[in-house]
Amino acid sequence: MRFLKRMLVGLAAVATTAALLPAGPADAAPRATIGGGSGIVIANNALCTMTAVGHDRAGRLVGLTAAHCGGVGNTIRSERNRAAGVIGTIVTRSPSLDVAVIRLDPSRVHAVRQVGKARIHKVGVYPRPLSNVCKAGRTTGFTCGPTLVHDGPETLSYVCADHGDSGGPIIVAGRLVGMLNGALRIAGPGSPSIPCVDPAIPLYSPMIATKMTDILRPLNQTNFVGAGFRVL
């Protein structure tokens, strides 16, 4: 896409051995608590973060995450509650916007508006440069920082993020304004990003995110699962 997308390093992480352990019997599986900021395991391989959970216009329970985390048909499990088994499947994805729609199983998911410090009650507009935004990720948690650049649907913000945070919600005062897609390649295309080791050490690559309004606009014009998405 644009300059920022060419300079993006995806922040999916490889699942650890613990995340690959089999789930318990299906008839005894407890429901997994899932919301924006929850860690998810895709196809027993990648660790990413759920952007948000809600319903589409058909009333189906769905979630969003970054498309580079997995492909259509990939299974989704909860990182924190592996006993819940497969809680959903990726059913739609847009590589150009780096967004994937997950159809969730209501019998295996307890959907919530708040995960830790991340609370989402509606979709909002990404703020102007120099305004603060916060992100929630399964690796680096809830961190905040200033927006630096807008580039069409993409944004650049100086917020701590690392591998596994891909898909994390970008939040301003309870409003879901974007999805974390990766980090900036400081030295240009092909170069690595600088991961955030500690939010207190301000030496890391800025975070690249896609505006939620630009994600939902084309999705809502389709008849795909996820169209008409609204948060809980």
Protein backbone atom coordinates (compact mmCIF):
# COMPACT_ATOMS: atom_id res chain seq x y z
CA MET A 1 0.00 0.00 0.00
CA ARG A 2 1.49 3.34 1.04
CA PHE A 3 4.87 4.21 2.51
CA LEU A 4 4.02 3.07 6.04
CA LYS A 5 2.77 -0.32 4.84
CA ARG A 6 6.01 -0.91 2.92
CA MET A 7 7.94 -0.10 6.09
CA LEU A 8 5.87 -2.38 8.33
CA VAL A 9 7.14 -5.38 10.26
CA GLY A 10 4.26 -7.62 11.38
CA LEU A 11 4.21 -8.33 15.10
CA ALA A 12 2.78 -11.84 15.20
CA ALA A 13 4.73 -14.21 17.45
CA VAL A 14 5.42 -17.93 17.20
CA ALA A 15 3.39 -19.92 19.70
CA THR A 16 5.33 -21.56 22.50
CA THR A 17 5.12 -25.25 23.32
CA ALA A 18 2.72 -24.46 26.17
CA ALA A 19 0.29 -22.86 23.75
CA LEU A 20 0.24 -26.03 21.65
CA LEU A 21 -0.93 -28.37 24.39
CA PRO A 22 -4.19 -30.13 23.48
CA ALA A 23 -7.42 -28.88 24.97
CA GLY A 24 -9.47 -30.96 27.38
CA PRO A 25 -12.60 -32.94 26.43
CA ALA A 26 -15.06 -30.83 24.45
CA ASP A 27 -18.00 -31.62 26.73
CA ALA A 28 -16.09 -30.33 29.77
CA ALA A 29 -14.50 -27.28 28.16
CA PRO A 30 -15.06 -24.02 30.05
CA ARG A 31 -15.82 -20.93 28.02
CA ALA A 32 -12.88 -18.62 27.27
CA THR A 33 -13.20 -14.97 28.28
CA ILE A 34 -12.32 -12.99 25.15
CA GLY A 35 -12.32 -9.28 24.31
CA GLY A 36 -10.17 -6.60 22.77
CA GLY A 37 -6.63 -7.18 24.04
CA SER A 38 -6.97 -10.94 24.64
CA GLY A 39 -4.15 -13.18 23.47
CA ILE A 40 -5.13 -15.72 20.80
CA VAL A 41 -3.38 -18.70 19.22
CA ILE A 42 -3.89 -19.07 15.48
CA ALA A 43 -3.62 -22.55 13.91
CA ASN A 44 -1.49 -23.73 16.86
CA ASN A 45 1.27 -21.59 15.41
CA ALA A 46 1.03 -17.80 15.77
CA LEU A 47 0.31 -15.69 18.83
CA CYS A 48 -1.60 -12.49 18.20
CA THR A 49 -4.09 -10.20 19.92
CA MET A 50 -7.85 -9.83 19.45
CA THR A 51 -8.82 -6.33 18.34
CA ALA A 52 -12.41 -6.46 19.54
CA VAL A 53 -15.40 -8.75 19.86
CA GLY A 54 -18.93 -7.90 18.76
CA HIS A 55 -21.74 -8.89 16.43
CA ASP A 56 -22.27 -8.48 12.71
CA ARG A 57 -25.54 -7.41 11.11
CA ALA A 58 -26.73 -11.04 11.07
CA GLY A 59 -26.22 -11.26 14.84
CA ARG A 60 -23.22 -13.60 14.66
CA LEU A 61 -20.54 -13.34 17.35
CA VAL A 62 -17.34 -12.25 15.62
CA GLY A 63 -13.90 -10.89 16.41
CA LEU A 64 -11.22 -9.00 14.51
CA THR A 65 -7.45 -9.37 14.37
CA ALA A 66 -4.58 -8.73 11.94
CA ALA A 67 -4.67 -10.68 8.65
CA HIS A 68 -0.95 -11.48 8.72
CA CYS A 69 -1.61 -13.60 11.83
CA GLY A 70 -3.30 -16.36 9.81
CA GLY A 71 -5.34 -17.47 6.81
CA VAL A 72 -8.96 -18.29 6.10
CA GLY A 73 -9.88 -21.56 7.80
CA ASN A 74 -7.25 -21.24 10.53
CA THR A 75 -8.50 -22.17 13.99
CA ILE A 76 -8.46 -19.79 16.93
CA ARG A 77 -7.80 -20.71 20.54
CA SER A 78 -7.57 -18.65 23.69
CA GLU A 79 -4.01 -18.23 24.91
CA ARG A 80 -5.08 -18.09 28.56
CA ASN A 81 -7.75 -20.80 28.45
CA ARG A 82 -6.51 -23.60 26.23
CA ALA A 83 -9.03 -25.98 27.81
CA ALA A 84 -11.79 -24.16 25.91
CA GLY A 85 -10.47 -25.73 22.70
CA VAL A 86 -11.18 -24.15 19.32
CA ILE A 87 -13.19 -20.99 19.99
CA GLY A 88 -13.43 -19.73 16.42
CA THR A 89 -12.20 -19.74 12.83
CA ILE A 90 -10.89 -17.07 10.48
CA VAL A 91 -13.59 -16.70 7.82
CA THR A 92 -12.68 -13.48 5.99
CA ARG A 93 -9.46 -11.52 5.55
CA SER A 94 -8.15 -8.49 3.67
CA PRO A 95 -4.37 -8.57 3.15
CA SER A 96 -4.40 -4.99 1.84
CA LEU A 97 -5.87 -3.64 5.08
CA ASP A 98 -4.29 -6.44 7.16
CA VAL A 99 -7.55 -7.35 8.87
CA ALA A 100 -9.14 -10.76 9.49
CA VAL A 101 -12.64 -11.61 10.70
CA ILE A 102 -13.04 -14.48 13.16
CA ARG A 103 -16.37 -16.24 13.57
CA LEU A 104 -16.56 -17.13 17.25
CA ASP A 105 -18.40 -20.04 18.86
CA PRO A 106 -20.78 -18.58 21.49
CA SER A 107 -20.80 -21.90 23.35
CA ARG A 108 -17.04 -21.59 23.92
CA VAL A 109 -16.63 -17.82 24.31
CA HIS A 110 -17.59 -15.44 27.09
CA ALA A 111 -17.30 -12.13 25.22
CA VAL A 112 -16.37 -9.04 27.27
CA ARG A 113 -15.93 -5.31 26.74
CA GLN A 114 -12.94 -5.00 29.02
CA VAL A 115 -9.66 -6.92 29.23
CA GLY A 116 -7.35 -5.51 31.89
CA LYS A 117 -7.11 -1.74 31.40
CA ALA A 118 -8.52 -1.94 27.87
CA ARG A 119 -12.22 -1.08 27.82
CA ILE A 120 -14.09 -0.71 24.52
CA HIS A 121 -17.64 0.64 24.33
CA LYS A 122 -17.83 2.04 20.79
CA VAL A 123 -15.89 2.71 17.58
CA GLY A 124 -14.32 6.15 17.21
CA VAL A 125 -12.21 8.31 14.91
CA TYR A 126 -8.41 8.17 15.12
CA PRO A 127 -7.15 11.38 16.76
CA ARG A 128 -4.95 14.03 15.20
CA PRO A 129 -1.14 13.87 15.35
CA LEU A 130 0.35 14.62 18.78
CA SER A 131 -2.77 13.24 20.48
CA ASN A 132 -2.23 10.28 22.81
CA VAL A 133 -3.52 6.81 21.98
CA CYS A 134 -3.27 3.55 23.93
CA LYS A 135 -2.93 -0.02 22.76
CA ALA A 136 -3.55 -3.38 24.40
CA GLY A 137 -1.38 -6.34 23.43
CA ARG A 138 -0.81 -9.85 24.78
CA THR A 139 2.97 -9.25 24.93
CA THR A 140 3.53 -5.70 26.18
CA GLY A 141 0.15 -5.03 27.76
CA PHE A 142 -1.54 -1.64 27.92
CA THR A 143 0.75 1.17 26.78
CA CYS A 144 0.18 4.70 25.52
CA GLY A 145 1.95 7.37 23.50
CA PRO A 146 1.56 10.15 20.93
CA THR A 147 0.31 9.79 17.37
CA LEU A 148 2.98 10.99 14.94
CA VAL A 149 1.64 10.59 11.39
CA HIS A 150 -1.55 9.91 9.44
CA ASP A 151 -1.07 8.35 5.99
CA GLY A 152 -4.48 7.54 4.54
CA PRO A 153 -5.85 4.57 6.50
CA GLU A 154 -2.52 4.10 8.28
CA THR A 155 -1.11 5.80 11.35
CA LEU A 156 2.24 5.96 13.09
CA SER A 157 2.37 6.35 16.88
CA TYR A 158 5.20 6.19 19.40
CA VAL A 159 3.72 3.39 21.50
CA CYS A 160 5.49 0.35 22.97
CA ALA A 161 4.69 -2.88 21.08
CA ASP A 162 6.38 -6.19 20.32
CA HIS A 163 5.77 -9.54 18.62
CA GLY A 164 2.42 -11.00 19.62
CA ASP A 165 0.76 -7.59 19.89
CA SER A 166 -0.44 -7.68 16.26
CA GLY A 167 -4.18 -7.12 16.08
CA GLY A 168 -4.24 -5.25 19.37
CA PRO A 169 -6.88 -2.55 19.78
CA ILE A 170 -5.93 1.12 19.65
CA ILE A 171 -8.11 2.92 22.17
CA VAL A 172 -8.89 6.50 23.15
CA ALA A 173 -11.19 6.97 26.17
CA GLY A 174 -13.04 3.71 25.55
CA ARG A 175 -13.34 4.28 21.81
CA LEU A 176 -11.84 1.70 19.44
CA VAL A 177 -9.99 3.85 16.89
CA GLY A 178 -7.59 1.41 15.25
CA MET A 179 -5.86 -1.96 14.96
CA LEU A 180 -2.16 -2.55 15.61
CA ASN A 181 -0.54 -4.04 12.50
CA GLY A 182 3.19 -3.84 13.15
CA ALA A 183 6.21 -1.65 13.75
CA LEU A 184 8.23 0.70 11.57
CA ARG A 185 11.37 -0.55 9.84
CA ILE A 186 13.70 2.20 11.02
CA ALA A 187 16.37 1.75 8.32
CA GLY A 188 13.99 1.17 5.42
CA PRO A 189 12.39 -1.84 3.66
CA GLY A 190 14.06 -5.14 4.55
CA SER A 191 15.53 -3.87 7.80
CA PRO A 192 14.34 -5.09 11.21
CA SER A 193 12.25 -3.12 13.64
CA ILE A 194 13.38 -2.34 17.19
CA PRO A 195 11.15 -4.25 19.65
CA CYS A 196 9.95 -2.63 22.85
CA VAL A 197 11.64 -4.33 25.79
CA ASP A 198 10.22 -2.06 28.46
CA PRO A 199 7.85 0.92 28.09
CA ALA A 200 10.09 2.79 30.52
CA ILE A 201 12.97 2.53 28.04
CA PRO A 202 11.86 4.77 25.13
CA LEU A 203 13.99 3.15 22.45
CA TYR A 204 11.81 1.17 20.04
CA SER A 205 10.20 1.36 16.63
CA PRO A 206 6.99 3.38 16.35
CA MET A 207 3.78 1.39 16.04
CA ILE A 208 1.87 1.21 12.75
CA ALA A 209 -1.90 0.90 13.01
CA THR A 210 -4.88 1.01 10.65
CA LYS A 211 -7.80 3.31 11.44
CA MET A 212 -10.88 1.38 12.49
CA THR A 213 -13.12 3.56 10.34
CA ASP A 214 -11.08 2.53 7.27
CA ILE A 215 -11.33 -1.14 8.28
CA LEU A 216 -15.08 -1.16 8.81
CA ARG A 217 -16.11 0.97 5.83
CA PRO A 218 -15.23 -1.62 3.14
CA LEU A 219 -16.18 -4.58 5.35
CA ASN A 220 -19.64 -3.16 5.94
CA GLN A 221 -20.23 -2.82 2.19
CA THR A 222 -20.00 -6.61 1.74
CA ASN A 223 -22.21 -9.56 2.63
CA PHE A 224 -19.33 -11.38 4.32
CA VAL A 225 -19.38 -12.63 7.89
CA GLY A 226 -18.44 -9.58 9.96
CA ALA A 227 -20.24 -7.01 7.80
CA GLY A 228 -22.10 -4.51 9.96
CA PHE A 229 -19.67 -5.13 12.83
CA ARG A 230 -20.52 -3.43 16.09
CA VAL A 231 -18.70 -3.82 19.38
CA LEU A 232 -20.41 -5.28 22.44
